[in-house]
PDB file of all heavy atoms in Angstrom:
ATOM      1  N   ALA A   1       9.660  48.652 -20.610  1.00  0.00           N
ATOM      2  CA  ALA A   1       9.869  48.928 -22.032  1.00  0.00           C
ATOM      3  C   ALA A   1      10.795  47.897 -22.664  1.00  0.00           C
ATOM      4  O   ALA A   1      10.539  47.408 -23.779  1.00  0.00           O
ATOM      5  CB  ALA A   1      10.434  50.333 -22.204  1.00  0.00           C
ATOM      6  N   ALA A   2      11.877  47.549 -21.954  1.00  0.00           N
ATOM      7  CA  ALA A   2      12.828  46.578 -22.497  1.00  0.00           C
ATOM      8  C   ALA A   2      12.194  45.208 -22.660  1.00  0.00           C
ATOM      9  O   ALA A   2      12.410  44.516 -23.667  1.00  0.00           O
ATOM     10  CB  ALA A   2      14.050  46.498 -21.586  1.00  0.00           C
ATOM     11  N   ILE A   3      11.376  44.823 -21.686  1.00  0.00           N
ATOM     12  CA  ILE A   3      10.752  43.500 -21.748  1.00  0.00           C
ATOM     13  C   ILE A   3       9.634  43.472 -22.783  1.00  0.00           C
ATOM     14  O   ILE A   3       9.463  42.491 -23.517  1.00  0.00           O
ATOM     15  CB  ILE A   3      10.233  43.099 -20.353  1.00  0.00           C
ATOM     16  CG1 ILE A   3      11.423  42.861 -19.428  1.00  0.00           C
ATOM     17  CG2 ILE A   3       9.352  41.858 -20.427  1.00  0.00           C
ATOM     18  CD1 ILE A   3      11.052  42.568 -18.007  1.00  0.00           C
ATOM     19  N   ALA A   4       8.866  44.544 -22.859  1.00  0.00           N
ATOM     20  CA  ALA A   4       7.788  44.605 -23.852  1.00  0.00           C
ATOM     21  C   ALA A   4       8.332  44.488 -25.266  1.00  0.00           C
ATOM     22  O   ALA A   4       7.672  43.933 -26.154  1.00  0.00           O
ATOM     23  CB  ALA A   4       7.004  45.896 -23.687  1.00  0.00           C
ATOM     24  N   ALA A   5       9.553  44.960 -25.483  1.00  0.00           N
ATOM     25  CA  ALA A   5      10.137  44.897 -26.820  1.00  0.00           C
ATOM     26  C   ALA A   5      10.409  43.469 -27.271  1.00  0.00           C
ATOM     27  O   ALA A   5      10.410  43.178 -28.466  1.00  0.00           O
ATOM     28  CB  ALA A   5      11.441  45.705 -26.848  1.00  0.00           C
ATOM     29  N   VAL A   6      10.613  42.557 -26.321  1.00  0.00           N
ATOM     30  CA  VAL A   6      10.918  41.176 -26.699  1.00  0.00           C
ATOM     31  C   VAL A   6       9.769  40.208 -26.402  1.00  0.00           C
ATOM     32  O   VAL A   6       9.686  39.141 -27.007  1.00  0.00           O
ATOM     33  CB  VAL A   6      12.200  40.678 -25.996  1.00  0.00           C
ATOM     34  CG1 VAL A   6      13.395  41.487 -26.442  1.00  0.00           C
ATOM     35  CG2 VAL A   6      12.059  40.709 -24.482  1.00  0.00           C
ATOM     36  N   ALA A   7       8.872  40.590 -25.461  1.00  0.00           N
ATOM     37  CA  ALA A   7       7.815  39.654 -25.061  1.00  0.00           C
ATOM     38  C   ALA A   7       6.415  40.172 -25.298  1.00  0.00           C
ATOM     39  O   ALA A   7       5.450  39.415 -25.173  1.00  0.00           O
ATOM     40  CB  ALA A   7       7.975  39.308 -23.578  1.00  0.00           C
ATOM     41  N   GLY A   8       6.259  41.446 -25.632  1.00  0.00           N
ATOM     42  CA  GLY A   8       4.930  41.995 -25.897  1.00  0.00           C
ATOM     43  C   GLY A   8       4.005  41.840 -24.708  1.00  0.00           C
ATOM     44  O   GLY A   8       4.388  42.069 -23.557  1.00  0.00           O
ATOM     45  N   THR A   9       2.785  41.374 -24.986  1.00  0.00           N
ATOM     46  CA  THR A   9       1.776  41.259 -23.926  1.00  0.00           C
ATOM     47  C   THR A   9       1.910  39.981 -23.100  1.00  0.00           C
ATOM     48  O   THR A   9       1.142  39.769 -22.172  1.00  0.00           O
ATOM     49  CB  THR A   9       0.365  41.306 -24.549  1.00  0.00           C
ATOM     50  OG1 THR A   9       0.232  40.241 -25.499  1.00  0.00           O
ATOM     51  CG2 THR A   9       0.124  42.629 -25.242  1.00  0.00           C
ATOM     52  N   ARG A  10       2.856  39.141 -23.446  1.00  0.00           N
ATOM     53  CA  ARG A  10       3.033  37.909 -22.677  1.00  0.00           C
ATOM     54  C   ARG A  10       3.698  38.160 -21.327  1.00  0.00           C
ATOM     55  O   ARG A  10       3.711  37.280 -20.465  1.00  0.00           O
ATOM     56  CB  ARG A  10       3.872  36.892 -23.462  1.00  0.00           C
ATOM     57  CG  ARG A  10       3.120  36.210 -24.595  1.00  0.00           C
ATOM     58  CD  ARG A  10       3.956  35.111 -25.212  1.00  0.00           C
ATOM     59  NE  ARG A  10       3.236  34.368 -26.235  1.00  0.00           N
ATOM     60  CZ  ARG A  10       2.460  33.327 -26.001  1.00  0.00           C
ATOM     61  NH1 ARG A  10       2.319  32.880 -24.766  1.00  0.00           N
ATOM     62  NH2 ARG A  10       1.838  32.705 -26.977  1.00  0.00           N
ATOM     63  N   ALA A  11       4.286  39.326 -21.128  1.00  0.00           N
ATOM     64  CA  ALA A  11       5.019  39.607 -19.894  1.00  0.00           C
ATOM     65  C   ALA A  11       4.286  40.624 -19.034  1.00  0.00           C
ATOM     66  O   ALA A  11       3.746  41.614 -19.529  1.00  0.00           O
ATOM     67  CB  ALA A  11       6.417  40.123 -20.222  1.00  0.00           C
ATOM     68  N   THR A  12       4.272  40.370 -17.729  1.00  0.00           N
ATOM     69  CA  THR A  12       3.739  41.299 -16.744  1.00  0.00           C
ATOM     70  C   THR A  12       4.849  41.623 -15.755  1.00  0.00           C
ATOM     71  O   THR A  12       5.444  40.714 -15.165  1.00  0.00           O
ATOM     72  CB  THR A  12       2.541  40.694 -15.988  1.00  0.00           C
ATOM     73  OG1 THR A  12       1.528  40.333 -16.924  1.00  0.00           O
ATOM     74  CG2 THR A  12       1.979  41.689 -14.989  1.00  0.00           C
ATOM     75  N   VAL A  13       5.143  42.897 -15.590  1.00  0.00           N
ATOM     76  CA  VAL A  13       6.235  43.333 -14.719  1.00  0.00           C
ATOM     77  C   VAL A  13       5.651  43.854 -13.408  1.00  0.00           C
ATOM     78  O   VAL A  13       4.726  44.674 -13.408  1.00  0.00           O
ATOM     79  CB  VAL A  13       7.080  44.428 -15.393  1.00  0.00           C
ATOM     80  CG1 VAL A  13       8.211  44.888 -14.470  1.00  0.00           C
ATOM     81  CG2 VAL A  13       7.648  43.921 -16.717  1.00  0.00           C
ATOM     82  N   ARG A  14       6.216  43.363 -12.283  1.00  0.00           N
ATOM     83  CA  ARG A  14       5.742  43.792 -10.974  1.00  0.00           C
ATOM     84  C   ARG A  14       6.952  44.115 -10.104  1.00  0.00           C
ATOM     85  O   ARG A  14       7.980  43.436 -10.160  1.00  0.00           O
ATOM     86  CB  ARG A  14       4.928  42.680 -10.299  1.00  0.00           C
ATOM     87  CG  ARG A  14       3.681  42.282 -11.075  1.00  0.00           C
ATOM     88  CD  ARG A  14       3.112  40.991 -10.542  1.00  0.00           C
ATOM     89  NE  ARG A  14       1.885  40.609 -11.225  1.00  0.00           N
ATOM     90  CZ  ARG A  14       1.312  39.420 -11.139  1.00  0.00           C
ATOM     91  NH1 ARG A  14       1.851  38.489 -10.389  1.00  0.00           N
ATOM     92  NH2 ARG A  14       0.195  39.155 -11.783  1.00  0.00           N
ATOM     93  N   ARG A  15       6.817  45.147  -9.286  1.00  0.00           N
ATOM     94  CA  ARG A  15       7.889  45.492  -8.337  1.00  0.00           C
ATOM     95  C   ARG A  15       7.406  45.238  -6.919  1.00  0.00           C
ATOM     96  O   ARG A  15       6.307  45.660  -6.527  1.00  0.00           O
ATOM     97  CB  ARG A  15       8.303  46.957  -8.494  1.00  0.00           C
ATOM     98  CG  ARG A  15       9.383  47.369  -7.488  1.00  0.00           C
ATOM     99  CD  ARG A  15       9.754  48.834  -7.607  1.00  0.00           C
ATOM    100  NE  ARG A  15      10.534  49.101  -8.802  1.00  0.00           N
ATOM    101  CZ  ARG A  15      11.854  48.921  -8.895  1.00  0.00           C
ATOM    102  NH1 ARG A  15      12.523  48.427  -7.869  1.00  0.00           N
ATOM    103  NH2 ARG A  15      12.487  49.221 -10.006  1.00  0.00           N
ATOM    104  N   THR A  16       8.239  44.526  -6.144  1.00  0.00           N
ATOM    105  CA  THR A  16       7.978  44.320  -4.731  1.00  0.00           C
ATOM    106  C   THR A  16       9.192  44.817  -3.962  1.00  0.00           C
ATOM    107  O   THR A  16      10.235  44.158  -3.923  1.00  0.00           O
ATOM    108  CB  THR A  16       7.725  42.830  -4.424  1.00  0.00           C
ATOM    109  OG1 THR A  16       6.641  42.364  -5.225  1.00  0.00           O
ATOM    110  CG2 THR A  16       7.378  42.634  -2.955  1.00  0.00           C
ATOM    111  N   GLY A  17       9.104  46.003  -3.369  1.00  0.00           N
ATOM    112  CA  GLY A  17      10.251  46.593  -2.720  1.00  0.00           C
ATOM    113  C   GLY A  17      11.335  46.890  -3.741  1.00  0.00           C
ATOM    114  O   GLY A  17      11.100  47.578  -4.739  1.00  0.00           O
ATOM    115  N   ASP A  18      12.530  46.360  -3.506  1.00  0.00           N
ATOM    116  CA  ASP A  18      13.647  46.570  -4.427  1.00  0.00           C
ATOM    117  C   ASP A  18      13.712  45.510  -5.522  1.00  0.00           C
ATOM    118  O   ASP A  18      14.575  45.569  -6.394  1.00  0.00           O
ATOM    119  CB  ASP A  18      14.977  46.557  -3.654  1.00  0.00           C
ATOM    120  CG  ASP A  18      15.094  47.744  -2.707  1.00  0.00           C
ATOM    121  OD1 ASP A  18      14.390  48.744  -2.945  1.00  0.00           O
ATOM    122  OD2 ASP A  18      15.861  47.644  -1.727  1.00  0.00           O
ATOM    123  N   ARG A  19      12.832  44.535  -5.473  1.00  0.00           N
ATOM    124  CA  ARG A  19      12.883  43.419  -6.414  1.00  0.00           C
ATOM    125  C   ARG A  19      11.882  43.602  -7.553  1.00  0.00           C
ATOM    126  O   ARG A  19      10.725  43.964  -7.320  1.00  0.00           O
ATOM    127  CB  ARG A  19      12.612  42.100  -5.696  1.00  0.00           C
ATOM    128  CG  ARG A  19      12.736  40.876  -6.601  1.00  0.00           C
ATOM    129  CD  ARG A  19      12.492  39.611  -5.800  1.00  0.00           C
ATOM    130  NE  ARG A  19      13.482  39.437  -4.761  1.00  0.00           N
ATOM    131  CZ  ARG A  19      14.681  38.923  -4.970  1.00  0.00           C
ATOM    132  NH1 ARG A  19      15.036  38.536  -6.190  1.00  0.00           N
ATOM    133  NH2 ARG A  19      15.529  38.795  -3.970  1.00  0.00           N
ATOM    134  N   ILE A  20      12.328  43.345  -8.760  1.00  0.00           N
ATOM    135  CA  ILE A  20      11.451  43.374  -9.929  1.00  0.00           C
ATOM    136  C   ILE A  20      11.198  41.947 -10.386  1.00  0.00           C
ATOM    137  O   ILE A  20      12.131  41.161 -10.562  1.00  0.00           O
ATOM    138  CB  ILE A  20      12.073  44.191 -11.081  1.00  0.00           C
ATOM    139  CG1 ILE A  20      12.193  45.661 -10.682  1.00  0.00           C
ATOM    140  CG2 ILE A  20      11.234  44.061 -12.355  1.00  0.00           C
ATOM    141  CD1 ILE A  20      12.827  46.531 -11.748  1.00  0.00           C
ATOM    142  N   GLY A  21       9.935  41.603 -10.529  1.00  0.00           N
ATOM    143  CA  GLY A  21       9.558  40.275 -11.005  1.00  0.00           C
ATOM    144  C   GLY A  21       8.841  40.362 -12.339  1.00  0.00           C
ATOM    145  O   GLY A  21       8.125  41.332 -12.616  1.00  0.00           O
ATOM    146  N   VAL A  22       9.058  39.352 -13.162  1.00  0.00           N
ATOM    147  CA  VAL A  22       8.400  39.279 -14.462  1.00  0.00           C
ATOM    148  C   VAL A  22       7.655  37.954 -14.538  1.00  0.00           C
ATOM    149  O   VAL A  22       8.254  36.885 -14.380  1.00  0.00           O
ATOM    150  CB  VAL A  22       9.414  39.362 -15.626  1.00  0.00           C
ATOM    151  CG1 VAL A  22       8.690  39.260 -16.967  1.00  0.00           C
ATOM    152  CG2 VAL A  22      10.221  40.640 -15.543  1.00  0.00           C
ATOM    153  N   VAL A  23       6.358  38.012 -14.748  1.00  0.00           N
ATOM    154  CA  VAL A  23       5.550  36.815 -14.972  1.00  0.00           C
ATOM    155  C   VAL A  23       5.361  36.679 -16.472  1.00  0.00           C
ATOM    156  O   VAL A  23       4.768  37.544 -17.122  1.00  0.00           O
ATOM    157  CB  VAL A  23       4.194  36.906 -14.250  1.00  0.00           C
ATOM    158  CG1 VAL A  23       3.366  35.661 -14.530  1.00  0.00           C
ATOM    159  CG2 VAL A  23       4.403  37.088 -12.754  1.00  0.00           C
ATOM    160  N   LEU A  24       5.880  35.589 -17.015  1.00  0.00           N
ATOM    161  CA  LEU A  24       5.891  35.381 -18.460  1.00  0.00           C
ATOM    162  C   LEU A  24       4.908  34.286 -18.822  1.00  0.00           C
ATOM    163  O   LEU A  24       5.041  33.140 -18.387  1.00  0.00           O
ATOM    164  CB  LEU A  24       7.305  35.002 -18.910  1.00  0.00           C
ATOM    165  CG  LEU A  24       7.592  34.925 -20.406  1.00  0.00           C
ATOM    166  CD1 LEU A  24       7.346  36.275 -21.067  1.00  0.00           C
ATOM    167  CD2 LEU A  24       9.026  34.480 -20.631  1.00  0.00           C
ATOM    168  N   ASP A  25       3.892  34.620 -19.596  1.00  0.00           N
ATOM    169  CA  ASP A  25       2.861  33.658 -19.995  1.00  0.00           C
ATOM    170  C   ASP A  25       3.333  32.889 -21.228  1.00  0.00           C
ATOM    171  O   ASP A  25       3.427  33.430 -22.323  1.00  0.00           O
ATOM    172  CB  ASP A  25       1.553  34.394 -20.300  1.00  0.00           C
ATOM    173  CG  ASP A  25       0.433  33.445 -20.733  1.00  0.00           C
ATOM    174  OD1 ASP A  25       0.599  32.222 -20.569  1.00  0.00           O
ATOM    175  OD2 ASP A  25      -0.592  33.939 -21.232  1.00  0.00           O
ATOM    176  N   ALA A  26       3.625  31.583 -21.022  1.00  0.00           N
ATOM    177  CA  ALA A  26       4.113  30.745 -22.121  1.00  0.00           C
ATOM    178  C   ALA A  26       3.042  29.802 -22.643  1.00  0.00           C
ATOM    179  O   ALA A  26       3.350  28.827 -23.327  1.00  0.00           O
ATOM    180  CB  ALA A  26       5.326  29.953 -21.665  1.00  0.00           C
ATOM    181  N   THR A  27       1.781  30.102 -22.357  1.00  0.00           N
ATOM    182  CA  THR A  27       0.686  29.249 -22.795  1.00  0.00           C
ATOM    183  C   THR A  27       0.707  29.059 -24.311  1.00  0.00           C
ATOM    184  O   THR A  27       0.777  30.021 -25.068  1.00  0.00           O
ATOM    185  CB  THR A  27      -0.665  29.848 -22.377  1.00  0.00           C
ATOM    186  OG1 THR A  27      -0.704  29.948 -20.955  1.00  0.00           O
ATOM    187  CG2 THR A  27      -1.818  28.988 -22.863  1.00  0.00           C
ATOM    188  N   GLY A  28       0.653  27.795 -24.737  1.00  0.00           N
ATOM    189  CA  GLY A  28       0.568  27.484 -26.163  1.00  0.00           C
ATOM    190  C   GLY A  28       1.887  27.446 -26.891  1.00  0.00           C
ATOM    191  O   GLY A  28       1.928  27.078 -28.071  1.00  0.00           O
ATOM    192  N   LEU A  29       2.985  27.791 -26.218  1.00  0.00           N
ATOM    193  CA  LEU A  29       4.282  27.793 -26.882  1.00  0.00           C
ATOM    194  C   LEU A  29       4.932  26.421 -26.803  1.00  0.00           C
ATOM    195  O   LEU A  29       4.819  25.716 -25.794  1.00  0.00           O
ATOM    196  CB  LEU A  29       5.219  28.820 -26.223  1.00  0.00           C
ATOM    197  CG  LEU A  29       4.844  30.296 -26.347  1.00  0.00           C
ATOM    198  CD1 LEU A  29       5.894  31.149 -25.649  1.00  0.00           C
ATOM    199  CD2 LEU A  29       4.721  30.709 -27.811  1.00  0.00           C
ATOM    200  N   ALA A  30       5.622  26.048 -27.859  1.00  0.00           N
ATOM    201  CA  ALA A  30       6.412  24.829 -27.841  1.00  0.00           C
ATOM    202  C   ALA A  30       7.590  25.029 -26.892  1.00  0.00           C
ATOM    203  O   ALA A  30       8.002  26.166 -26.634  1.00  0.00           O
ATOM    204  CB  ALA A  30       6.918  24.505 -29.246  1.00  0.00           C
ATOM    205  N   PRO A  31       8.163  23.935 -26.365  1.00  0.00           N
ATOM    206  CA  PRO A  31       9.265  24.079 -25.407  1.00  0.00           C
ATOM    207  C   PRO A  31      10.410  24.943 -25.915  1.00  0.00           C
ATOM    208  O   PRO A  31      10.948  25.773 -25.173  1.00  0.00           O
ATOM    209  CB  PRO A  31       9.702  22.628 -25.171  1.00  0.00           C
ATOM    210  CG  PRO A  31       8.463  21.822 -25.400  1.00  0.00           C
ATOM    211  CD  PRO A  31       7.735  22.528 -26.506  1.00  0.00           C
ATOM    212  N   ALA A  32      10.803  24.775 -27.175  1.00  0.00           N
ATOM    213  CA  ALA A  32      11.922  25.553 -27.709  1.00  0.00           C
ATOM    214  C   ALA A  32      11.583  27.043 -27.759  1.00  0.00           C
ATOM    215  O   ALA A  32      12.411  27.899 -27.410  1.00  0.00           O
ATOM    216  CB  ALA A  32      12.295  25.052 -29.102  1.00  0.00           C
ATOM    217  N   ALA A  33      10.350  27.368 -28.166  1.00  0.00           N
ATOM    218  CA  ALA A  33       9.932  28.762 -28.234  1.00  0.00           C
ATOM    219  C   ALA A  33       9.815  29.368 -26.845  1.00  0.00           C
ATOM    220  O   ALA A  33      10.177  30.533 -26.622  1.00  0.00           O
ATOM    221  CB  ALA A  33       8.600  28.874 -28.979  1.00  0.00           C
ATOM    222  N   ARG A  34       9.337  28.570 -25.901  1.00  0.00           N
ATOM    223  CA  ARG A  34       9.225  29.046 -24.517  1.00  0.00           C
ATOM    224  C   ARG A  34      10.605  29.361 -23.947  1.00  0.00           C
ATOM    225  O   ARG A  34      10.814  30.396 -23.324  1.00  0.00           O
ATOM    226  CB  ARG A  34       8.547  27.965 -23.673  1.00  0.00           C
ATOM    227  CG  ARG A  34       8.392  28.301 -22.193  1.00  0.00           C
ATOM    228  CD  ARG A  34       8.000  27.073 -21.413  1.00  0.00           C
ATOM    229  NE  ARG A  34       9.039  26.058 -21.488  1.00  0.00           N
ATOM    230  CZ  ARG A  34       8.819  24.751 -21.583  1.00  0.00           C
ATOM    231  NH1 ARG A  34       7.590  24.283 -21.645  1.00  0.00           N
ATOM    232  NH2 ARG A  34       9.829  23.903 -21.619  1.00  0.00           N
ATOM    233  N   ASP A  35      11.561  28.448 -24.172  1.00  0.00           N
ATOM    234  CA  ASP A  35      12.913  28.660 -23.648  1.00  0.00           C
ATOM    235  C   ASP A  35      13.565  29.886 -24.293  1.00  0.00           C
ATOM    236  O   ASP A  35      14.268  30.654 -23.623  1.00  0.00           O
ATOM    237  CB  ASP A  35      13.770  27.420 -23.907  1.00  0.00           C
ATOM    238  CG  ASP A  35      13.297  26.211 -23.103  1.00  0.00           C
ATOM    239  OD1 ASP A  35      12.525  26.415 -22.143  1.00  0.00           O
ATOM    240  OD2 ASP A  35      13.702  25.075 -23.436  1.00  0.00           O
ATOM    241  N   ALA A  36      13.325  30.065 -25.599  1.00  0.00           N
ATOM    242  CA  ALA A  36      13.914  31.219 -26.296  1.00  0.00           C
ATOM    243  C   ALA A  36      13.329  32.527 -25.770  1.00  0.00           C
ATOM    244  O   ALA A  36      14.054  33.515 -25.587  1.00  0.00           O
ATOM    245  CB  ALA A  36      13.679  31.093 -27.795  1.00  0.00           C
ATOM    246  N   LEU A  37      12.019  32.525 -25.516  1.00  0.00           N
ATOM    247  CA  LEU A  37      11.379  33.731 -24.996  1.00  0.00           C
ATOM    248  C   LEU A  37      11.889  34.047 -23.593  1.00  0.00           C
ATOM    249  O   LEU A  37      12.190  35.209 -23.268  1.00  0.00           O
ATOM    250  CB  LEU A  37       9.860  33.541 -24.984  1.00  0.00           C
ATOM    251  CG  LEU A  37       9.035  34.741 -24.499  1.00  0.00           C
ATOM    252  CD1 LEU A  37       9.277  35.960 -25.383  1.00  0.00           C
ATOM    253  CD2 LEU A  37       7.552  34.383 -24.465  1.00  0.00           C
ATOM    254  N   GLU A  38      12.020  33.027 -22.749  1.00  0.00           N
ATOM    255  CA  GLU A  38      12.531  33.244 -21.393  1.00  0.00           C
ATOM    256  C   GLU A  38      13.959  33.798 -21.434  1.00  0.00           C
ATOM    257  O   GLU A  38      14.303  34.729 -20.692  1.00  0.00           O
ATOM    258  CB  GLU A  38      12.502  31.935 -20.606  1.00  0.00           C
ATOM    259  CG  GLU A  38      12.977  32.086 -19.171  1.00  0.00           C
ATOM    260  CD  GLU A  38      12.933  30.774 -18.395  1.00  0.00           C
ATOM    261  OE1 GLU A  38      12.589  29.734 -19.000  1.00  0.00           O
ATOM    262  OE2 GLU A  38      13.263  30.799 -17.195  1.00  0.00           O
ATOM    263  N   ALA A  39      14.790  33.248 -22.319  1.00  0.00           N
ATOM    264  CA  ALA A  39      16.169  33.727 -22.446  1.00  0.00           C
ATOM    265  C   ALA A  39      16.217  35.176 -22.911  1.00  0.00           C
ATOM    266  O   ALA A  39      17.025  35.979 -22.425  1.00  0.00           O
ATOM    267  CB  ALA A  39      16.943  32.835 -23.414  1.00  0.00           C
ATOM    268  N   ALA A  40      15.325  35.543 -23.842  1.00  0.00           N
ATOM    269  CA  ALA A  40      15.296  36.915 -24.345  1.00  0.00           C
ATOM    270  C   ALA A  40      14.892  37.895 -23.251  1.00  0.00           C
ATOM    271  O   ALA A  40      15.451  39.001 -23.136  1.00  0.00           O
ATOM    272  CB  ALA A  40      14.343  37.015 -25.530  1.00  0.00           C
ATOM    273  N   VAL A  41      13.925  37.498 -22.420  1.00  0.00           N
ATOM    274  CA  VAL A  41      13.485  38.367 -21.326  1.00  0.00           C
ATOM    275  C   VAL A  41      14.594  38.537 -20.298  1.00  0.00           C
ATOM    276  O   VAL A  41      14.848  39.640 -19.809  1.00  0.00           O
ATOM    277  CB  VAL A  41      12.205  37.796 -20.682  1.00  0.00           C
ATOM    278  CG1 VAL A  41      11.883  38.542 -19.384  1.00  0.00           C
ATOM    279  CG2 VAL A  41      11.031  37.901 -21.640  1.00  0.00           C
ATOM    280  N   LYS A  42      15.289  37.451 -19.980  1.00  0.00           N
ATOM    281  CA  LYS A  42      16.377  37.536 -19.005  1.00  0.00           C
ATOM    282  C   LYS A  42      17.522  38.405 -19.527  1.00  0.00           C
ATOM    283  O   LYS A  42      18.176  39.122 -18.766  1.00  0.00           O
ATOM    284  CB  LYS A  42      16.881  36.137 -18.671  1.00  0.00           C
ATOM    285  CG  LYS A  42      15.917  35.333 -17.803  1.00  0.00           C
ATOM    286  CD  LYS A  42      16.471  33.962 -17.486  1.00  0.00           C
ATOM    287  CE  LYS A  42      15.537  33.205 -16.543  1.00  0.00           C
ATOM    288  NZ  LYS A  42      16.046  31.843 -16.231  1.00  0.00           N
ATOM    289  N   ALA A  43      17.756  38.334 -20.836  1.00  0.00           N
ATOM    290  CA  ALA A  43      18.805  39.177 -21.420  1.00  0.00           C
ATOM    291  C   ALA A  43      18.398  40.646 -21.417  1.00  0.00           C
ATOM    292  O   ALA A  43      19.227  41.534 -21.205  1.00  0.00           O
ATOM    293  CB  ALA A  43      19.094  38.709 -22.840  1.00  0.00           C
ATOM    294  N   ALA A  44      17.098  40.904 -21.628  1.00  0.00           N
ATOM    295  CA  ALA A  44      16.610  42.281 -21.662  1.00  0.00           C
ATOM    296  C   ALA A  44      16.590  42.912 -20.272  1.00  0.00           C
ATOM    297  O   ALA A  44      16.771  44.130 -20.138  1.00  0.00           O
ATOM    298  CB  ALA A  44      15.207  42.324 -22.280  1.00  0.00           C
TER     299      ALA A  44
END
């Protein structure tokens, strides 16, 4: 829920054991927008 609020459908959340991974699709984004989106997901 927290990640969907900042990344919408660009993020896929997966759990492997105790670890949570997020695959973030940055296709088509400019470098600055990609970096901002990654930072927002990490903060969330």
